[in-house]
Amino acid sequence: MTETEPRANASGAGEWGPSLTVDVDAAPWKPTGFPGIEMKVLFDQGEDGMRTLLMRWAPGSELPYHEHTEIEQTYVFEGSLVDSDGEVTAGNYVCRQKGSRHSVRAPEGALVLAVFIRPNRFL
């Protein structure tokens, strides 16, 4: 089964059964609400649940100051992400701790895979 808008219930299971295969090429890029940052939703447990996103950052785009309400994991495929802790370049991974706060930018643009246990809280 292939989905382009994957959703799951609170237990992580959905109508799709024990496995979910996403046709990433067919999934639409959607606005995030932040200029220059788009996403493809690969997995979504709803407003307060886990989300896995492929995110495309335009050169110079920035995610404003926010707090991580749970651990967030990010793998950078292309470009880089920069914050007060430094730069995460292509081929590298960063894990943000629950309670950490920062803003992050992509000076040259970026393509990343991000896994959120709970959504960030923007301050």
N, C-alpha and C. Protein backbone atom coordinates (compact mmCIF):
# COMPACT_ATOMS: atom_id res chain seq x y z
N MET A 1 0.85 -1.17 0.00
CA MET A 1 0.00 0.00 0.00
C MET A 1 0.89 1.23 0.00
N THR A 2 0.56 2.21 -0.81
CA THR A 2 1.33 3.44 -0.89
C THR A 2 0.43 4.59 -0.51
N GLU A 3 0.92 5.47 0.33
CA GLU A 3 0.16 6.62 0.78
C GLU A 3 0.91 7.90 0.41
N THR A 4 0.15 8.99 0.20
CA THR A 4 0.79 10.28 0.01
C THR A 4 0.45 11.23 1.15
N GLU A 5 -0.49 10.87 2.02
CA GLU A 5 -0.84 11.66 3.19
C GLU A 5 -0.97 10.73 4.38
N PRO A 6 0.14 10.14 4.86
CA PRO A 6 0.06 9.13 5.91
C PRO A 6 -0.40 9.69 7.25
N ARG A 7 -1.33 9.01 7.85
CA ARG A 7 -1.83 9.37 9.17
C ARG A 7 -1.89 8.11 10.02
N ALA A 8 -1.77 8.29 11.30
CA ALA A 8 -1.87 7.15 12.21
C ALA A 8 -2.67 7.58 13.42
N ASN A 9 -3.26 6.61 14.12
CA ASN A 9 -3.94 6.95 15.35
C ASN A 9 -2.91 7.04 16.48
N ALA A 10 -3.35 7.32 17.70
CA ALA A 10 -2.44 7.54 18.81
C ALA A 10 -1.53 6.36 19.12
N SER A 11 -1.94 5.16 18.77
CA SER A 11 -1.10 3.99 19.04
C SER A 11 -0.03 3.79 17.98
N GLY A 12 -0.09 4.59 16.91
CA GLY A 12 0.86 4.43 15.82
C GLY A 12 0.31 3.58 14.70
N ALA A 13 -0.85 2.97 14.91
CA ALA A 13 -1.47 2.14 13.86
C ALA A 13 -2.53 2.95 13.14
N GLY A 14 -2.76 2.66 11.91
CA GLY A 14 -3.79 3.33 11.14
C GLY A 14 -4.50 2.32 10.27
N GLU A 15 -5.34 2.81 9.39
CA GLU A 15 -6.06 1.93 8.48
C GLU A 15 -5.11 1.18 7.56
N TRP A 16 -3.87 1.62 7.46
CA TRP A 16 -2.90 1.03 6.56
C TRP A 16 -2.30 -0.26 7.08
N GLY A 17 -2.59 -0.68 8.28
CA GLY A 17 -2.09 -1.96 8.79
C GLY A 17 -0.76 -1.85 9.48
N PRO A 18 -0.02 -2.96 9.56
CA PRO A 18 1.22 -2.98 10.35
C PRO A 18 2.39 -2.25 9.70
N SER A 19 2.31 -1.97 8.40
CA SER A 19 3.40 -1.27 7.71
C SER A 19 2.84 -0.14 6.87
N LEU A 20 3.65 0.89 6.68
CA LEU A 20 3.26 2.03 5.87
C LEU A 20 4.39 2.31 4.89
N THR A 21 4.08 2.31 3.61
CA THR A 21 5.04 2.69 2.59
C THR A 21 4.57 3.99 1.98
N VAL A 22 5.44 4.97 1.93
CA VAL A 22 5.09 6.28 1.40
C VAL A 22 5.78 6.50 0.07
N ASP A 23 5.04 6.89 -0.95
CA ASP A 23 5.60 7.29 -2.23
C ASP A 23 6.05 8.74 -2.07
N VAL A 24 7.28 8.93 -1.68
CA VAL A 24 7.79 10.26 -1.33
C VAL A 24 7.74 11.19 -2.53
N ASP A 25 8.06 10.68 -3.72
CA ASP A 25 8.00 11.53 -4.91
C ASP A 25 6.60 12.06 -5.16
N ALA A 26 5.58 11.25 -4.88
CA ALA A 26 4.19 11.64 -5.12
C ALA A 26 3.65 12.55 -4.01
N ALA A 27 4.24 12.52 -2.84
CA ALA A 27 3.77 13.35 -1.73
C ALA A 27 4.01 14.82 -2.06
N PRO A 28 3.03 15.67 -1.82
CA PRO A 28 3.18 17.08 -2.16
C PRO A 28 4.05 17.84 -1.16
N TRP A 29 4.79 18.84 -1.66
CA TRP A 29 5.47 19.78 -0.77
C TRP A 29 4.39 20.71 -0.24
N LYS A 30 4.40 20.94 1.07
CA LYS A 30 3.41 21.81 1.71
C LYS A 30 4.13 22.92 2.47
N PRO A 31 3.49 24.09 2.57
CA PRO A 31 4.10 25.16 3.36
C PRO A 31 4.10 24.82 4.85
N THR A 32 5.11 25.28 5.56
CA THR A 32 5.17 25.07 7.00
C THR A 32 4.60 26.25 7.78
N GLY A 33 4.39 27.37 7.11
CA GLY A 33 4.00 28.59 7.79
C GLY A 33 5.20 29.50 8.04
N PHE A 34 6.39 29.02 7.70
CA PHE A 34 7.61 29.80 7.83
C PHE A 34 8.20 30.02 6.44
N PRO A 35 8.43 31.27 6.05
CA PRO A 35 8.88 31.56 4.68
C PRO A 35 10.10 30.74 4.28
N GLY A 36 10.00 30.13 3.09
CA GLY A 36 11.13 29.39 2.53
C GLY A 36 11.31 27.97 3.05
N ILE A 37 10.43 27.50 3.94
CA ILE A 37 10.55 26.15 4.50
C ILE A 37 9.30 25.36 4.13
N GLU A 38 9.51 24.27 3.39
CA GLU A 38 8.42 23.40 2.97
C GLU A 38 8.62 22.00 3.54
N MET A 39 7.54 21.21 3.55
CA MET A 39 7.65 19.86 4.11
C MET A 39 6.84 18.87 3.29
N LYS A 40 7.30 17.62 3.34
CA LYS A 40 6.52 16.48 2.88
C LYS A 40 6.25 15.66 4.15
N VAL A 41 5.00 15.41 4.44
CA VAL A 41 4.64 14.66 5.64
C VAL A 41 4.77 13.18 5.32
N LEU A 42 5.68 12.51 6.03
CA LEU A 42 5.88 11.07 5.83
C LEU A 42 5.10 10.24 6.83
N PHE A 43 4.92 10.80 8.04
CA PHE A 43 4.17 10.13 9.10
C PHE A 43 3.62 11.20 10.01
N ASP A 44 2.37 11.03 10.47
CA ASP A 44 1.75 12.06 11.29
C ASP A 44 0.75 11.41 12.24
N GLN A 45 0.98 11.53 13.54
CA GLN A 45 0.05 11.01 14.54
C GLN A 45 -0.94 12.07 14.99
N GLY A 46 -0.94 13.20 14.34
CA GLY A 46 -1.90 14.24 14.71
C GLY A 46 -1.25 15.38 15.46
N GLU A 47 -2.08 16.32 15.90
CA GLU A 47 -1.63 17.59 16.48
C GLU A 47 -0.61 17.45 17.61
N ASP A 48 -0.78 16.47 18.49
CA ASP A 48 0.13 16.32 19.63
C ASP A 48 1.04 15.10 19.52
N GLY A 49 1.06 14.47 18.37
CA GLY A 49 1.81 13.23 18.25
C GLY A 49 3.06 13.34 17.39
N MET A 50 3.66 12.19 17.19
CA MET A 50 4.90 12.07 16.43
C MET A 50 4.67 12.45 14.97
N ARG A 51 5.69 13.09 14.39
CA ARG A 51 5.69 13.44 12.97
C ARG A 51 7.06 13.17 12.40
N THR A 52 7.08 12.65 11.19
CA THR A 52 8.32 12.49 10.44
C THR A 52 8.15 13.31 9.17
N LEU A 53 9.07 14.24 8.94
CA LEU A 53 8.95 15.17 7.83
C LEU A 53 10.22 15.20 6.99
N LEU A 54 10.06 15.29 5.69
CA LEU A 54 11.15 15.67 4.80
C LEU A 54 10.98 17.17 4.63
N MET A 55 12.02 17.93 4.96
CA MET A 55 11.91 19.39 4.93
C MET A 55 12.92 19.99 3.95
N ARG A 56 12.42 20.92 3.16
CA ARG A 56 13.24 21.62 2.18
C ARG A 56 13.31 23.09 2.59
N TRP A 57 14.54 23.55 2.86
CA TRP A 57 14.79 24.91 3.30
C TRP A 57 15.42 25.70 2.15
N ALA A 58 14.84 26.81 1.78
CA ALA A 58 15.42 27.70 0.77
C ALA A 58 16.64 28.41 1.37
N PRO A 59 17.60 28.80 0.54
CA PRO A 59 18.75 29.55 1.06
C PRO A 59 18.30 30.77 1.86
N GLY A 60 18.87 30.92 3.05
CA GLY A 60 18.57 32.06 3.92
C GLY A 60 17.33 31.90 4.78
N SER A 61 16.61 30.80 4.66
CA SER A 61 15.39 30.62 5.47
C SER A 61 15.76 30.36 6.93
N GLU A 62 14.81 30.68 7.80
CA GLU A 62 15.06 30.56 9.24
C GLU A 62 13.81 30.11 9.97
N LEU A 63 14.00 29.20 10.91
CA LEU A 63 12.94 28.77 11.81
C LEU A 63 13.11 29.60 13.09
N PRO A 64 12.08 30.36 13.50
CA PRO A 64 12.24 31.25 14.64
C PRO A 64 12.45 30.51 15.96
N TYR A 65 12.80 31.28 16.97
CA TYR A 65 13.11 30.77 18.30
C TYR A 65 11.99 29.86 18.80
N HIS A 66 12.36 28.65 19.24
CA HIS A 66 11.38 27.67 19.68
C HIS A 66 12.00 26.74 20.72
N GLU A 67 11.11 26.02 21.40
CA GLU A 67 11.53 25.05 22.41
C GLU A 67 11.16 23.64 21.94
N HIS A 68 12.06 22.70 22.15
CA HIS A 68 11.78 21.30 21.83
C HIS A 68 11.05 20.68 23.02
N THR A 69 9.82 20.25 22.80
CA THR A 69 9.00 19.70 23.88
C THR A 69 9.32 18.23 24.14
N GLU A 70 10.01 17.60 23.22
CA GLU A 70 10.55 16.25 23.35
C GLU A 70 11.80 16.20 22.48
N ILE A 71 12.47 15.08 22.46
CA ILE A 71 13.65 14.91 21.61
C ILE A 71 13.25 15.10 20.15
N GLU A 72 14.11 15.80 19.41
CA GLU A 72 13.95 15.94 17.96
C GLU A 72 15.21 15.41 17.30
N GLN A 73 15.03 14.64 16.24
CA GLN A 73 16.17 14.08 15.50
C GLN A 73 16.14 14.62 14.07
N THR A 74 17.32 15.02 13.57
CA THR A 74 17.41 15.57 12.22
C THR A 74 18.64 15.02 11.52
N TYR A 75 18.44 14.56 10.29
CA TYR A 75 19.53 14.13 9.42
C TYR A 75 19.56 15.08 8.23
N VAL A 76 20.72 15.64 7.92
CA VAL A 76 20.87 16.60 6.83
C VAL A 76 21.37 15.87 5.58
N PHE A 77 20.55 15.87 4.53
CA PHE A 77 20.92 15.26 3.25
C PHE A 77 21.73 16.23 2.38
N GLU A 78 21.28 17.49 2.34
CA GLU A 78 21.93 18.50 1.51
C GLU A 78 21.99 19.81 2.29
N GLY A 79 23.02 20.63 1.99
CA GLY A 79 23.14 21.93 2.63
C GLY A 79 23.58 21.81 4.07
N SER A 80 23.10 22.76 4.88
CA SER A 80 23.44 22.73 6.31
C SER A 80 22.43 23.53 7.11
N LEU A 81 22.38 23.23 8.41
CA LEU A 81 21.59 23.99 9.37
C LEU A 81 22.54 24.60 10.38
N VAL A 82 22.28 25.85 10.76
CA VAL A 82 23.17 26.58 11.66
C VAL A 82 22.36 27.15 12.81
N ASP A 83 22.88 26.97 14.04
CA ASP A 83 22.29 27.60 15.21
C ASP A 83 23.41 27.98 16.17
N SER A 84 23.07 28.35 17.39
CA SER A 84 24.08 28.79 18.36
C SER A 84 25.02 27.67 18.79
N ASP A 85 24.67 26.41 18.53
CA ASP A 85 25.55 25.28 18.85
C ASP A 85 26.53 24.97 17.72
N GLY A 86 26.31 25.57 16.55
CA GLY A 86 27.22 25.33 15.43
C GLY A 86 26.48 24.97 14.16
N GLU A 87 27.18 24.30 13.26
CA GLU A 87 26.65 23.95 11.94
C GLU A 87 26.57 22.44 11.79
N VAL A 88 25.43 21.97 11.27
CA VAL A 88 25.25 20.55 10.96
C VAL A 88 25.24 20.47 9.43
N THR A 89 26.24 19.81 8.88
CA THR A 89 26.42 19.77 7.43
C THR A 89 25.85 18.48 6.83
N ALA A 90 25.78 18.45 5.50
CA ALA A 90 25.25 17.30 4.76
C ALA A 90 25.95 16.01 5.19
N GLY A 91 25.15 14.97 5.39
CA GLY A 91 25.68 13.67 5.80
C GLY A 91 25.78 13.52 7.30
N ASN A 92 25.34 14.54 8.05
CA ASN A 92 25.44 14.49 9.51
C ASN A 92 24.07 14.58 10.17
N TYR A 93 24.05 14.25 11.46
CA TYR A 93 22.84 14.06 12.25
C TYR A 93 22.96 14.90 13.51
N VAL A 94 21.82 15.44 13.97
CA VAL A 94 21.78 16.15 15.23
C VAL A 94 20.52 15.72 15.99
N CYS A 95 20.65 15.61 17.30
CA CYS A 95 19.53 15.27 18.17
C CYS A 95 19.41 16.40 19.20
N ARG A 96 18.25 17.02 19.25
CA ARG A 96 18.00 18.12 20.19
C ARG A 96 17.29 17.57 21.42
N GLN A 97 17.77 17.96 22.58
CA GLN A 97 17.19 17.49 23.84
C GLN A 97 15.87 18.18 24.16
N LYS A 98 15.02 17.47 24.87
CA LYS A 98 13.78 18.05 25.38
C LYS A 98 14.14 19.28 26.21
N GLY A 99 13.43 20.38 25.98
CA GLY A 99 13.66 21.62 26.73
C GLY A 99 14.66 22.55 26.09
N SER A 100 15.40 22.07 25.08
CA SER A 100 16.38 22.96 24.44
C SER A 100 15.65 24.00 23.61
N ARG A 101 16.27 25.18 23.48
CA ARG A 101 15.68 26.30 22.75
C ARG A 101 16.71 26.87 21.79
N HIS A 102 16.22 27.26 20.63
CA HIS A 102 17.11 27.89 19.65
C HIS A 102 16.29 28.38 18.46
N SER A 103 16.92 29.17 17.61
CA SER A 103 16.42 29.42 16.26
C SER A 103 17.44 28.75 15.36
N VAL A 104 17.03 28.41 14.16
CA VAL A 104 17.94 27.70 13.24
C VAL A 104 17.75 28.26 11.84
N ARG A 105 18.84 28.34 11.09
CA ARG A 105 18.77 28.86 9.74
C ARG A 105 19.54 27.97 8.78
N ALA A 106 19.24 28.16 7.51
CA ALA A 106 19.90 27.40 6.44
C ALA A 106 20.51 28.42 5.46
N PRO A 107 21.73 28.87 5.73
CA PRO A 107 22.32 29.93 4.91
C PRO A 107 22.35 29.62 3.41
N GLU A 108 22.65 28.36 3.07
CA GLU A 108 22.73 27.96 1.66
C GLU A 108 21.57 27.06 1.25
N GLY A 109 20.59 26.89 2.14
CA GLY A 109 19.48 25.97 1.90
C GLY A 109 19.81 24.60 2.47
N ALA A 110 18.80 23.74 2.56
CA ALA A 110 19.01 22.40 3.12
C ALA A 110 17.86 21.49 2.75
N LEU A 111 18.15 20.20 2.76
CA LEU A 111 17.14 19.14 2.65
C LEU A 111 17.40 18.22 3.83
N VAL A 112 16.39 18.06 4.71
CA VAL A 112 16.60 17.30 5.94
C VAL A 112 15.42 16.36 6.20
N LEU A 113 15.70 15.31 6.96
CA LEU A 113 14.68 14.43 7.49
C LEU A 113 14.59 14.74 8.98
N ALA A 114 13.40 15.11 9.45
CA ALA A 114 13.22 15.47 10.85
C ALA A 114 12.16 14.59 11.49
N VAL A 115 12.44 14.10 12.70
CA VAL A 115 11.51 13.27 13.46
C VAL A 115 11.21 13.99 14.76
N PHE A 116 9.94 14.31 14.96
CA PHE A 116 9.47 15.01 16.15
C PHE A 116 8.59 14.07 16.96
N ILE A 117 8.91 13.84 18.23
CA ILE A 117 8.05 13.03 19.09
C ILE A 117 6.81 13.85 19.45
N ARG A 118 7.00 15.12 19.69
CA ARG A 118 5.92 16.09 19.94
C ARG A 118 6.30 17.38 19.20
N PRO A 119 5.32 18.16 18.79
CA PRO A 119 5.62 19.41 18.07
C PRO A 119 6.41 20.40 18.93
N ASN A 120 7.20 21.22 18.25
CA ASN A 120 7.92 22.29 18.93
C ASN A 120 6.95 23.34 19.44
N ARG A 121 7.39 24.12 20.44
CA ARG A 121 6.60 25.23 20.96
C ARG A 121 7.34 26.51 20.57
N PHE A 122 6.69 27.34 19.75
CA PHE A 122 7.34 28.57 19.29
C PHE A 122 7.12 29.66 20.32
N LEU A 123 8.20 30.38 20.62
CA LEU A 123 8.19 31.36 21.70
C LEU A 123 8.10 32.77 21.18
